[in-house]
Amino acid sequence: VLVQLSDDHDETAGMWFLEAGFGPVDDPDPPTFANLDVAQSWIERRL
């Protein structure tokens, strides 16, 4: 589950955050992604 960060997040506003990952996509330190293409590539590598 990815969420786009709001303006409340200052310099990361508009970026995407891994709200929840399941199985191999689970991460104890959830990453933030510049855009959905970067997030998709990261998820594909984890899978």
ModelCIF file with pLDDT and N, C-alpha, C, O atoms, coordinates in Angstrom:
data_MODEL
#
_entry.id   MODEL 
#
_entity.id                         1 
_entity.type                       polymer 
_entity.pdbx_number_of_molecules   1 
#
_entity_poly.entity_id                      1 
_entity_poly.type                           'polypeptide(L)' 
_entity_poly.nstd_linkage                   no 
_entity_poly.nstd_monomer                   no 
_entity_poly.pdbx_seq_one_letter_code       VLVQLSDDHDETAGMWFLEAGFGPVDDPDPPTFANLDVAQSWIERRL 
_entity_poly.pdbx_seq_one_letter_code_can   VLVQLSDDHDETAGMWFLEAGFGPVDDPDPPTFANLDVAQSWIERRL 
_entity_poly.pdbx_strand_id                 A 
#
loop_
_entity_poly_seq.entity_id 
_entity_poly_seq.num 
_entity_poly_seq.mon_id 
_entity_poly_seq.hetero 
1 1  VAL n 
1 2  LEU n 
1 3  VAL n 
1 4  GLN n 
1 5  LEU n 
1 6  SER n 
1 7  ASP n 
1 8  ASP n 
1 9  HIS n 
1 10 ASP n 
1 11 GLU n 
1 12 THR n 
1 13 ALA n 
1 14 GLY n 
1 15 MET n 
1 16 TRP n 
1 17 PHE n 
1 18 LEU n 
1 19 GLU n 
1 20 ALA n 
1 21 GLY n 
1 22 PHE n 
1 23 GLY n 
1 24 PRO n 
1 25 VAL n 
1 26 ASP n 
1 27 ASP n 
1 28 PRO n 
1 29 ASP n 
1 30 PRO n 
1 31 PRO n 
1 32 THR n 
1 33 PHE n 
1 34 ALA n 
1 35 ASN n 
1 36 LEU n 
1 37 ASP n 
1 38 VAL n 
1 39 ALA n 
1 40 GLN n 
1 41 SER n 
1 42 TRP n 
1 43 ILE n 
1 44 GLU n 
1 45 ARG n 
1 46 ARG n 
1 47 LEU n 
#
_struct_asym.id          A 
_struct_asym.entity_id   1 
#
loop_
_ma_qa_metric.id 
_ma_qa_metric.mode 
_ma_qa_metric.name 
_ma_qa_metric.software_group_id 
_ma_qa_metric.type 
1 global pLDDT . pLDDT 
2 local  pLDDT . pLDDT 
#
_ma_qa_metric_global.metric_id      1 
_ma_qa_metric_global.metric_value   96.32 
_ma_qa_metric_global.model_id       1 
_ma_qa_metric_global.ordinal_id     1 
#
loop_
_ma_qa_metric_local.label_asym_id 
_ma_qa_metric_local.label_comp_id 
_ma_qa_metric_local.label_seq_id 
_ma_qa_metric_local.metric_id 
_ma_qa_metric_local.metric_value 
_ma_qa_metric_local.model_id 
_ma_qa_metric_local.ordinal_id 
A VAL 1  2 98.00 1 1  
A LEU 2  2 98.00 1 2  
A VAL 3  2 98.00 1 3  
A GLN 4  2 97.00 1 4  
A LEU 5  2 97.00 1 5  
A SER 6  2 96.00 1 6  
A ASP 7  2 94.00 1 7  
A ASP 8  2 93.00 1 8  
A HIS 9  2 91.00 1 9  
A ASP 10 2 92.00 1 10 
A GLU 11 2 93.00 1 11 
A THR 12 2 93.00 1 12 
A ALA 13 2 96.00 1 13 
A GLY 14 2 97.00 1 14 
A MET 15 2 97.00 1 15 
A TRP 16 2 98.00 1 16 
A PHE 17 2 97.00 1 17 
A LEU 18 2 98.00 1 18 
A GLU 19 2 98.00 1 19 
A ALA 20 2 98.00 1 20 
A GLY 21 2 98.00 1 21 
A PHE 22 2 97.00 1 22 
A GLY 23 2 96.00 1 23 
A PRO 24 2 96.00 1 24 
A VAL 25 2 97.00 1 25 
A ASP 26 2 97.00 1 26 
A ASP 27 2 96.00 1 27 
A PRO 28 2 95.00 1 28 
A ASP 29 2 96.00 1 29 
A PRO 30 2 95.00 1 30 
A PRO 31 2 97.00 1 31 
A THR 32 2 97.00 1 32 
A PHE 33 2 98.00 1 33 
A ALA 34 2 97.00 1 34 
A ASN 35 2 97.00 1 35 
A LEU 36 2 97.00 1 36 
A ASP 37 2 97.00 1 37 
A VAL 38 2 97.00 1 38 
A ALA 39 2 98.00 1 39 
A GLN 40 2 96.00 1 40 
A SER 41 2 96.00 1 41 
A TRP 42 2 97.00 1 42 
A ILE 43 2 97.00 1 43 
A GLU 44 2 96.00 1 44 
A ARG 45 2 96.00 1 45 
A ARG 46 2 96.00 1 46 
A LEU 47 2 96.00 1 47 
#
loop_
_atom_site.group_PDB 
_atom_site.id 
_atom_site.type_symbol 
_atom_site.label_atom_id 
_atom_site.label_alt_id 
_atom_site.label_comp_id 
_atom_site.label_asym_id 
_atom_site.label_entity_id 
_atom_site.label_seq_id 
_atom_site.pdbx_PDB_ins_code 
_atom_site.Cartn_x 
_atom_site.Cartn_y 
_atom_site.Cartn_z 
_atom_site.occupancy 
_atom_site.B_iso_or_equiv 
_atom_site.pdbx_formal_charge 
_atom_site.auth_seq_id 
_atom_site.auth_comp_id 
_atom_site.auth_asym_id 
_atom_site.auth_atom_id 
_atom_site.pdbx_PDB_model_num 
ATOM 1   N N  . VAL A 1 1  ? 0.873  -1.162  0.000   1.00 98.00 ? 1  VAL A N  1 
ATOM 2   C CA . VAL A 1 1  ? 0.000  0.000   0.000   1.00 98.00 ? 1  VAL A CA 1 
ATOM 3   C C  . VAL A 1 1  ? 0.919  1.223   0.000   1.00 98.00 ? 1  VAL A C  1 
ATOM 4   O O  . VAL A 1 1  ? 1.732  1.408   0.906   1.00 98.00 ? 1  VAL A O  1 
ATOM 5   N N  . LEU A 1 2  ? 0.775  2.035   -1.015  1.00 98.00 ? 2  LEU A N  1 
ATOM 6   C CA . LEU A 1 2  ? 1.566  3.255   -1.150  1.00 98.00 ? 2  LEU A CA 1 
ATOM 7   C C  . LEU A 1 2  ? 0.660  4.455   -0.913  1.00 98.00 ? 2  LEU A C  1 
ATOM 8   O O  . LEU A 1 2  ? -0.510 4.443   -1.295  1.00 98.00 ? 2  LEU A O  1 
ATOM 9   N N  . VAL A 1 3  ? 1.201  5.482   -0.287  1.00 98.00 ? 3  VAL A N  1 
ATOM 10  C CA . VAL A 1 3  ? 0.458  6.727   -0.105  1.00 98.00 ? 3  VAL A CA 1 
ATOM 11  C C  . VAL A 1 3  ? 1.308  7.894   -0.593  1.00 98.00 ? 3  VAL A C  1 
ATOM 12  O O  . VAL A 1 3  ? 2.530  7.893   -0.450  1.00 98.00 ? 3  VAL A O  1 
ATOM 13  N N  . GLN A 1 4  ? 0.642  8.884   -1.169  1.00 97.00 ? 4  GLN A N  1 
ATOM 14  C CA . GLN A 1 4  ? 1.358  10.087  -1.587  1.00 97.00 ? 4  GLN A CA 1 
ATOM 15  C C  . GLN A 1 4  ? 1.361  11.054  -0.419  1.00 97.00 ? 4  GLN A C  1 
ATOM 16  O O  . GLN A 1 4  ? 0.318  11.339  0.168   1.00 97.00 ? 4  GLN A O  1 
ATOM 17  N N  . LEU A 1 5  ? 2.535  11.553  -0.087  1.00 97.00 ? 5  LEU A N  1 
ATOM 18  C CA . LEU A 1 5  ? 2.696  12.421  1.074   1.00 97.00 ? 5  LEU A CA 1 
ATOM 19  C C  . LEU A 1 5  ? 2.142  13.816  0.808   1.00 97.00 ? 5  LEU A C  1 
ATOM 20  O O  . LEU A 1 5  ? 2.338  14.384  -0.266  1.00 97.00 ? 5  LEU A O  1 
ATOM 21  N N  . SER A 1 6  ? 1.454  14.347  1.795   1.00 96.00 ? 6  SER A N  1 
ATOM 22  C CA . SER A 1 6  ? 0.807  15.658  1.689   1.00 96.00 ? 6  SER A CA 1 
ATOM 23  C C  . SER A 1 6  ? 1.805  16.785  1.957   1.00 96.00 ? 6  SER A C  1 
ATOM 24  O O  . SER A 1 6  ? 2.973  16.547  2.263   1.00 96.00 ? 6  SER A O  1 
ATOM 25  N N  . ASP A 1 7  ? 1.320  17.994  1.837   1.00 94.00 ? 7  ASP A N  1 
ATOM 26  C CA . ASP A 1 7  ? 2.142  19.180  2.097   1.00 94.00 ? 7  ASP A CA 1 
ATOM 27  C C  . ASP A 1 7  ? 2.622  19.238  3.549   1.00 94.00 ? 7  ASP A C  1 
ATOM 28  O O  . ASP A 1 7  ? 3.573  19.959  3.852   1.00 94.00 ? 7  ASP A O  1 
ATOM 29  N N  . ASP A 1 8  ? 1.986  18.495  4.441   1.00 93.00 ? 8  ASP A N  1 
ATOM 30  C CA . ASP A 1 8  ? 2.414  18.438  5.844   1.00 93.00 ? 8  ASP A CA 1 
ATOM 31  C C  . ASP A 1 8  ? 3.810  17.840  5.994   1.00 93.00 ? 8  ASP A C  1 
ATOM 32  O O  . ASP A 1 8  ? 4.417  17.938  7.060   1.00 93.00 ? 8  ASP A O  1 
ATOM 33  N N  . HIS A 1 9  ? 4.322  17.220  4.927   1.00 91.00 ? 9  HIS A N  1 
ATOM 34  C CA . HIS A 1 9  ? 5.614  16.536  4.996   1.00 91.00 ? 9  HIS A CA 1 
ATOM 35  C C  . HIS A 1 9  ? 6.758  17.354  4.404   1.00 91.00 ? 9  HIS A C  1 
ATOM 36  O O  . HIS A 1 9  ? 7.814  16.815  4.076   1.00 91.00 ? 9  HIS A O  1 
ATOM 37  N N  . ASP A 1 10 ? 6.540  18.643  4.272   1.00 92.00 ? 10 ASP A N  1 
ATOM 38  C CA . ASP A 1 10 ? 7.568  19.589  3.827   1.00 92.00 ? 10 ASP A CA 1 
ATOM 39  C C  . ASP A 1 10 ? 8.318  19.115  2.587   1.00 92.00 ? 10 ASP A C  1 
ATOM 40  O O  . ASP A 1 10 ? 7.728  19.020  1.511   1.00 92.00 ? 10 ASP A O  1 
ATOM 41  N N  . GLU A 1 11 ? 9.613  18.816  2.721   1.00 93.00 ? 11 GLU A N  1 
ATOM 42  C CA . GLU A 1 11 ? 10.458 18.522  1.558   1.00 93.00 ? 11 GLU A CA 1 
ATOM 43  C C  . GLU A 1 11 ? 10.112 17.217  0.862   1.00 93.00 ? 11 GLU A C  1 
ATOM 44  O O  . GLU A 1 11 ? 10.514 17.009  -0.283  1.00 93.00 ? 11 GLU A O  1 
ATOM 45  N N  . THR A 1 12 ? 9.375  16.332  1.527   1.00 93.00 ? 12 THR A N  1 
ATOM 46  C CA . THR A 1 12 ? 8.989  15.077  0.876   1.00 93.00 ? 12 THR A CA 1 
ATOM 47  C C  . THR A 1 12 ? 7.552  15.109  0.349   1.00 93.00 ? 12 THR A C  1 
ATOM 48  O O  . THR A 1 12 ? 7.050  14.095  -0.137  1.00 93.00 ? 12 THR A O  1 
ATOM 49  N N  . ALA A 1 13 ? 6.894  16.257  0.442   1.00 96.00 ? 13 ALA A N  1 
ATOM 50  C CA . ALA A 1 13 ? 5.524  16.388  -0.075  1.00 96.00 ? 13 ALA A CA 1 
ATOM 51  C C  . ALA A 1 13 ? 5.485  15.982  -1.542  1.00 96.00 ? 13 ALA A C  1 
ATOM 52  O O  . ALA A 1 13 ? 6.350  16.365  -2.330  1.00 96.00 ? 13 ALA A O  1 
ATOM 53  N N  . GLY A 1 14 ? 4.476  15.206  -1.894  1.00 97.00 ? 14 GLY A N  1 
ATOM 54  C CA . GLY A 1 14 ? 4.323  14.745  -3.273  1.00 97.00 ? 14 GLY A CA 1 
ATOM 55  C C  . GLY A 1 14 ? 5.015  13.433  -3.552  1.00 97.00 ? 14 GLY A C  1 
ATOM 56  O O  . GLY A 1 14 ? 4.734  12.793  -4.565  1.00 97.00 ? 14 GLY A O  1 
ATOM 57  N N  . MET A 1 15 ? 5.912  13.017  -2.679  1.00 97.00 ? 15 MET A N  1 
ATOM 58  C CA . MET A 1 15 ? 6.598  11.742  -2.855  1.00 97.00 ? 15 MET A CA 1 
ATOM 59  C C  . MET A 1 15 ? 5.676  10.616  -2.388  1.00 97.00 ? 15 MET A C  1 
ATOM 60  O O  . MET A 1 15 ? 4.623  10.876  -1.806  1.00 97.00 ? 15 MET A O  1 
ATOM 61  N N  . TRP A 1 16 ? 6.066  9.388   -2.637  1.00 98.00 ? 16 TRP A N  1 
ATOM 62  C CA . TRP A 1 16 ? 5.283  8.212   -2.281  1.00 98.00 ? 16 TRP A CA 1 
ATOM 63  C C  . TRP A 1 16 ? 5.971  7.447   -1.165  1.00 98.00 ? 16 TRP A C  1 
ATOM 64  O O  . TRP A 1 16 ? 7.197  7.333   -1.142  1.00 98.00 ? 16 TRP A O  1 
ATOM 65  N N  . PHE A 1 17 ? 5.177  6.923   -0.237  1.00 97.00 ? 17 PHE A N  1 
ATOM 66  C CA . PHE A 1 17 ? 5.672  6.242   0.950   1.00 97.00 ? 17 PHE A CA 1 
ATOM 67  C C  . PHE A 1 17 ? 5.057  4.842   1.021   1.00 97.00 ? 17 PHE A C  1 
ATOM 68  O O  . PHE A 1 17 ? 3.873  4.652   0.739   1.00 97.00 ? 17 PHE A O  1 
ATOM 69  N N  . LEU A 1 18 ? 5.883  3.871   1.402   1.00 98.00 ? 18 LEU A N  1 
ATOM 70  C CA . LEU A 1 18 ? 5.394  2.507   1.593   1.00 98.00 ? 18 LEU A CA 1 
ATOM 71  C C  . LEU A 1 18 ? 4.684  2.444   2.940   1.00 98.00 ? 18 LEU A C  1 
ATOM 72  O O  . LEU A 1 18 ? 5.322  2.269   3.979   1.00 98.00 ? 18 LEU A O  1 
ATOM 73  N N  . GLU A 1 19 ? 3.370  2.587   2.916   1.00 98.00 ? 19 GLU A N  1 
ATOM 74  C CA . GLU A 1 19 ? 2.567  2.545   4.144   1.00 98.00 ? 19 GLU A CA 1 
ATOM 75  C C  . GLU A 1 19 ? 2.537  1.140   4.727   1.00 98.00 ? 19 GLU A C  1 
ATOM 76  O O  . GLU A 1 19 ? 2.592  0.960   5.943   1.00 98.00 ? 19 GLU A O  1 
ATOM 77  N N  . ALA A 1 20 ? 2.450  0.149   3.849   1.00 98.00 ? 20 ALA A N  1 
ATOM 78  C CA . ALA A 1 20 ? 2.447  -1.250  4.290   1.00 98.00 ? 20 ALA A CA 1 
ATOM 79  C C  . ALA A 1 20 ? 2.982  -2.118  3.169   1.00 98.00 ? 20 ALA A C  1 
ATOM 80  O O  . ALA A 1 20 ? 2.634  -1.933  2.003   1.00 98.00 ? 20 ALA A O  1 
ATOM 81  N N  . GLY A 1 21 ? 3.823  -3.056  3.529   1.00 98.00 ? 21 GLY A N  1 
ATOM 82  C CA . GLY A 1 21 ? 4.330  -4.045  2.582   1.00 98.00 ? 21 GLY A CA 1 
ATOM 83  C C  . GLY A 1 21 ? 4.062  -5.418  3.144   1.00 98.00 ? 21 GLY A C  1 
ATOM 84  O O  . GLY A 1 21 ? 4.111  -5.613  4.358   1.00 98.00 ? 21 GLY A O  1 
ATOM 85  N N  . PHE A 1 22 ? 3.781  -6.369  2.282   1.00 97.00 ? 22 PHE A N  1 
ATOM 86  C CA . PHE A 1 22 ? 3.450  -7.720  2.712   1.00 97.00 ? 22 PHE A CA 1 
ATOM 87  C C  . PHE A 1 22 ? 4.406  -8.717  2.069   1.00 97.00 ? 22 PHE A C  1 
ATOM 88  O O  . PHE A 1 22 ? 4.810  -8.550  0.918   1.00 97.00 ? 22 PHE A O  1 
ATOM 89  N N  . GLY A 1 23 ? 4.761  -9.751  2.819   1.00 96.00 ? 23 GLY A N  1 
ATOM 90  C CA . GLY A 1 23 ? 5.695  -10.746 2.311   1.00 96.00 ? 23 GLY A CA 1 
ATOM 91  C C  . GLY A 1 23 ? 7.035  -10.113 2.046   1.00 96.00 ? 23 GLY A C  1 
ATOM 92  O O  . GLY A 1 23 ? 7.559  -9.395  2.897   1.00 96.00 ? 23 GLY A O  1 
ATOM 93  N N  . PRO A 1 24 ? 7.609  -10.367 0.865   1.00 96.00 ? 24 PRO A N  1 
ATOM 94  C CA . PRO A 1 24 ? 8.947  -9.830  0.562   1.00 96.00 ? 24 PRO A CA 1 
ATOM 95  C C  . PRO A 1 24 ? 8.997  -8.311  0.439   1.00 96.00 ? 24 PRO A C  1 
ATOM 96  O O  . PRO A 1 24 ? 10.083 -7.731  0.404   1.00 96.00 ? 24 PRO A O  1 
ATOM 97  N N  . VAL A 1 25 ? 7.849  -7.667  0.375   1.00 97.00 ? 25 VAL A N  1 
ATOM 98  C CA . VAL A 1 25 ? 7.820  -6.208  0.250   1.00 97.00 ? 25 VAL A CA 1 
ATOM 99  C C  . VAL A 1 25 ? 7.782  -5.544  1.628   1.00 97.00 ? 25 VAL A C  1 
ATOM 100 O O  . VAL A 1 25 ? 7.932  -4.327  1.728   1.00 97.00 ? 25 VAL A O  1 
ATOM 101 N N  . ASP A 1 26 ? 7.583  -6.324  2.682   1.00 97.00 ? 26 ASP A N  1 
ATOM 102 C CA . ASP A 1 26 ? 7.617  -5.788  4.040   1.00 97.00 ? 26 ASP A CA 1 
ATOM 103 C C  . ASP A 1 26 ? 9.012  -5.237  4.324   1.00 97.00 ? 26 ASP A C  1 
ATOM 104 O O  . ASP A 1 26 ? 10.009 -5.845  3.936   1.00 97.00 ? 26 ASP A O  1 
ATOM 105 N N  . ASP A 1 27 ? 9.085  -4.105  4.988   1.00 96.00 ? 27 ASP A N  1 
ATOM 106 C CA . ASP A 1 27 ? 10.378 -3.485  5.290   1.00 96.00 ? 27 ASP A CA 1 
ATOM 107 C C  . ASP A 1 27 ? 10.282 -2.800  6.649   1.00 96.00 ? 27 ASP A C  1 
ATOM 108 O O  . ASP A 1 27 ? 9.377  -1.995  6.868   1.00 96.00 ? 27 ASP A O  1 
ATOM 109 N N  . PRO A 1 28 ? 11.208 -3.108  7.573   1.00 95.00 ? 28 PRO A N  1 
ATOM 110 C CA . PRO A 1 28 ? 11.161 -2.480  8.898   1.00 95.00 ? 28 PRO A CA 1 
ATOM 111 C C  . PRO A 1 28 ? 11.423 -0.970  8.859   1.00 95.00 ? 28 PRO A C  1 
ATOM 112 O O  . PRO A 1 28 ? 11.061 -0.251  9.790   1.00 95.00 ? 28 PRO A O  1 
ATOM 113 N N  . ASP A 1 29 ? 12.044 -0.501  7.793   1.00 96.00 ? 29 ASP A N  1 
ATOM 114 C CA . ASP A 1 29 ? 12.319 0.926   7.613   1.00 96.00 ? 29 ASP A CA 1 
ATOM 115 C C  . ASP A 1 29 ? 11.710 1.333   6.265   1.00 96.00 ? 29 ASP A C  1 
ATOM 116 O O  . ASP A 1 29 ? 12.432 1.454   5.275   1.00 96.00 ? 29 ASP A O  1 
ATOM 117 N N  . PRO A 1 30 ? 10.389 1.546   6.219   1.00 95.00 ? 30 PRO A N  1 
ATOM 118 C CA . PRO A 1 30 ? 9.705  1.780   4.938   1.00 95.00 ? 30 PRO A CA 1 
ATOM 119 C C  . PRO A 1 30 ? 10.295 2.954   4.165   1.00 95.00 ? 30 PRO A C  1 
ATOM 120 O O  . PRO A 1 30 ? 10.505 4.033   4.720   1.00 95.00 ? 30 PRO A O  1 
ATOM 121 N N  . PRO A 1 31 ? 10.558 2.732   2.881   1.00 97.00 ? 31 PRO A N  1 
ATOM 122 C CA . PRO A 1 31 ? 11.166 3.783   2.064   1.00 97.00 ? 31 PRO A CA 1 
ATOM 123 C C  . PRO A 1 31 ? 10.157 4.799   1.537   1.00 97.00 ? 31 PRO A C  1 
ATOM 124 O O  . PRO A 1 31 ? 8.948  4.569   1.529   1.00 97.00 ? 31 PRO A O  1 
ATOM 125 N N  . THR A 1 32 ? 10.699 5.919   1.101   1.00 97.00 ? 32 THR A N  1 
ATOM 126 C CA . THR A 1 32 ? 9.961  6.959   0.395   1.00 97.00 ? 32 THR A CA 1 
ATOM 127 C C  . THR A 1 32 ? 10.508 6.988   -1.024  1.00 97.00 ? 32 THR A C  1 
ATOM 128 O O  . THR A 1 32 ? 11.713 6.846   -1.234  1.00 97.00 ? 32 THR A O  1 
ATOM 129 N N  . PHE A 1 33 ? 9.629  7.172   -1.990  1.00 98.00 ? 33 PHE A N  1 
ATOM 130 C CA . PHE A 1 33 ? 10.013 7.120   -3.407  1.00 98.00 ? 33 PHE A CA 1 
ATOM 131 C C  . PHE A 1 33 ? 9.708  8.449   -4.089  1.00 98.00 ? 33 PHE A C  1 
ATOM 132 O O  . PHE A 1 33 ? 8.701  9.091   -3.790  1.00 98.00 ? 33 PHE A O  1 
ATOM 133 N N  . ALA A 1 34 ? 10.580 8.856   -5.004  1.00 97.00 ? 34 ALA A N  1 
ATOM 134 C CA . ALA A 1 34 ? 10.401 10.119  -5.722  1.00 97.00 ? 34 ALA A CA 1 
ATOM 135 C C  . ALA A 1 34 ? 9.147  10.096  -6.591  1.00 97.00 ? 34 ALA A C  1 
ATOM 136 O O  . ALA A 1 34 ? 8.480  11.118  -6.750  1.00 97.00 ? 34 ALA A O  1 
ATOM 137 N N  . ASN A 1 35 ? 8.827  8.928   -7.155  1.00 97.00 ? 35 ASN A N  1 
ATOM 138 C CA . ASN A 1 35 ? 7.642  8.808   -8.013  1.00 97.00 ? 35 ASN A CA 1 
ATOM 139 C C  . ASN A 1 35 ? 7.219  7.340   -8.068  1.00 97.00 ? 35 ASN A C  1 
ATOM 140 O O  . ASN A 1 35 ? 7.891  6.466   -7.520  1.00 97.00 ? 35 ASN A O  1 
ATOM 141 N N  . LEU A 1 36 ? 6.109  7.089   -8.730  1.00 97.00 ? 36 LEU A N  1 
ATOM 142 C CA . LEU A 1 36 ? 5.578  5.727   -8.781  1.00 97.00 ? 36 LEU A CA 1 
ATOM 143 C C  . LEU A 1 36 ? 6.452  4.779   -9.595  1.00 97.00 ? 36 LEU A C  1 
ATOM 144 O O  . LEU A 1 36 ? 6.481  3.581   -9.313  1.00 97.00 ? 36 LEU A O  1 
ATOM 145 N N  . ASP A 1 37 ? 7.162  5.287   -10.596 1.00 97.00 ? 37 ASP A N  1 
ATOM 146 C CA . ASP A 1 37 ? 8.061  4.424   -11.369 1.00 97.00 ? 37 ASP A CA 1 
ATOM 147 C C  . ASP A 1 37 ? 9.170  3.869   -10.485 1.00 97.00 ? 37 ASP A C  1 
ATOM 148 O O  . ASP A 1 37 ? 9.518  2.693   -10.588 1.00 97.00 ? 37 ASP A O  1 
ATOM 149 N N  . VAL A 1 38 ? 9.726  4.708   -9.620  1.00 97.00 ? 38 VAL A N  1 
ATOM 150 C CA . VAL A 1 38 ? 10.775 4.271   -8.702  1.00 97.00 ? 38 VAL A CA 1 
ATOM 151 C C  . VAL A 1 38 ? 10.207 3.258   -7.712  1.00 97.00 ? 38 VAL A C  1 
ATOM 152 O O  . VAL A 1 38 ? 10.848 2.252   -7.408  1.00 97.00 ? 38 VAL A O  1 
ATOM 153 N N  . ALA A 1 39 ? 9.008  3.528   -7.213  1.00 98.00 ? 39 ALA A N  1 
ATOM 154 C CA . ALA A 1 39 ? 8.361  2.595   -6.285  1.00 98.00 ? 39 ALA A CA 1 
ATOM 155 C C  . ALA A 1 39 ? 8.116  1.252   -6.957  1.00 98.00 ? 39 ALA A C  1 
ATOM 156 O O  . ALA A 1 39 ? 8.370  0.205   -6.361  1.00 98.00 ? 39 ALA A O  1 
ATOM 157 N N  . GLN A 1 40 ? 7.627  1.273   -8.182  1.00 96.00 ? 40 GLN A N  1 
ATOM 158 C CA . GLN A 1 40 ? 7.356  0.035   -8.912  1.00 96.00 ? 40 GLN A CA 1 
ATOM 159 C C  . GLN A 1 40 ? 8.629  -0.773  -9.106  1.00 96.00 ? 40 GLN A C  1 
ATOM 160 O O  . GLN A 1 40 ? 8.620  -1.989  -8.915  1.00 96.00 ? 40 GLN A O  1 
ATOM 161 N N  . SER A 1 41 ? 9.705  -0.131  -9.475  1.00 96.00 ? 41 SER A N  1 
ATOM 162 C CA . SER A 1 41 ? 10.981 -0.839  -9.669  1.00 96.00 ? 41 SER A CA 1 
ATOM 163 C C  . SER A 1 41 ? 11.449 -1.477  -8.365  1.00 96.00 ? 41 SER A C  1 
ATOM 164 O O  . SER A 1 41 ? 11.913 -2.617  -8.365  1.00 96.00 ? 41 SER A O  1 
ATOM 165 N N  . TRP A 1 42 ? 11.330 -0.751  -7.257  1.00 97.00 ? 42 TRP A N  1 
ATOM 166 C CA . TRP A 1 42 ? 11.744 -1.272  -5.957  1.00 97.00 ? 42 TRP A CA 1 
ATOM 167 C C  . TRP A 1 42 ? 10.906 -2.488  -5.577  1.00 97.00 ? 42 TRP A C  1 
ATOM 168 O O  . TRP A 1 42 ? 11.439 -3.495  -5.112  1.00 97.00 ? 42 TRP A O  1 
ATOM 169 N N  . ILE A 1 43 ? 9.598  -2.391  -5.775  1.00 97.00 ? 43 ILE A N  1 
ATOM 170 C CA . ILE A 1 43 ? 8.702  -3.501  -5.447  1.00 97.00 ? 43 ILE A CA 1 
ATOM 171 C C  . ILE A 1 43 ? 9.008  -4.710  -6.324  1.00 97.00 ? 43 ILE A C  1 
ATOM 172 O O  . ILE A 1 43 ? 9.048  -5.837  -5.829  1.00 97.00 ? 43 ILE A O  1 
ATOM 173 N N  . GLU A 1 44 ? 9.221  -4.494  -7.607  1.00 96.00 ? 44 GLU A N  1 
ATOM 174 C CA . GLU A 1 44 ? 9.550  -5.599  -8.511  1.00 96.00 ? 44 GLU A CA 1 
ATOM 175 C C  . GLU A 1 44 ? 10.834 -6.301  -8.085  1.00 96.00 ? 44 GLU A C  1 
ATOM 176 O O  . GLU A 1 44 ? 10.911 -7.529  -8.139  1.00 96.00 ? 44 GLU A O  1 
ATOM 177 N N  . ARG A 1 45 ? 11.846 -5.538  -7.662  1.00 96.00 ? 45 ARG A N  1 
ATOM 178 C CA . ARG A 1 45 ? 13.093 -6.152  -7.196  1.00 96.00 ? 45 ARG A CA 1 
ATOM 179 C C  . ARG A 1 45 ? 12.835 -6.979  -5.944  1.00 96.00 ? 45 ARG A C  1 
ATOM 180 O O  . ARG A 1 45 ? 13.361 -8.085  -5.817  1.00 96.00 ? 45 ARG A O  1 
ATOM 181 N N  . ARG A 1 46 ? 12.034 -6.462  -5.017  1.00 96.00 ? 46 ARG A N  1 
ATOM 182 C CA . ARG A 1 46 ? 11.737 -7.191  -3.772  1.00 96.00 ? 46 ARG A CA 1 
ATOM 183 C C  . ARG A 1 46 ? 10.987 -8.479  -4.057  1.00 96.00 ? 46 ARG A C  1 
ATOM 184 O O  . ARG A 1 46 ? 11.154 -9.469  -3.346  1.00 96.00 ? 46 ARG A O  1 
ATOM 185 N N  . LEU A 1 47 ? 10.157 -8.468  -5.100  1.00 96.00 ? 47 LEU A N  1 
ATOM 186 C CA . LEU A 1 47 ? 9.391  -9.653  -5.467  1.00 96.00 ? 47 LEU A CA 1 
ATOM 187 C C  . LEU A 1 47 ? 10.193 -10.618 -6.336  1.00 96.00 ? 47 LEU A C  1 
ATOM 188 O O  . LEU A 1 47 ? 9.680  -11.667 -6.727  1.00 96.00 ? 47 LEU A O  1 
#
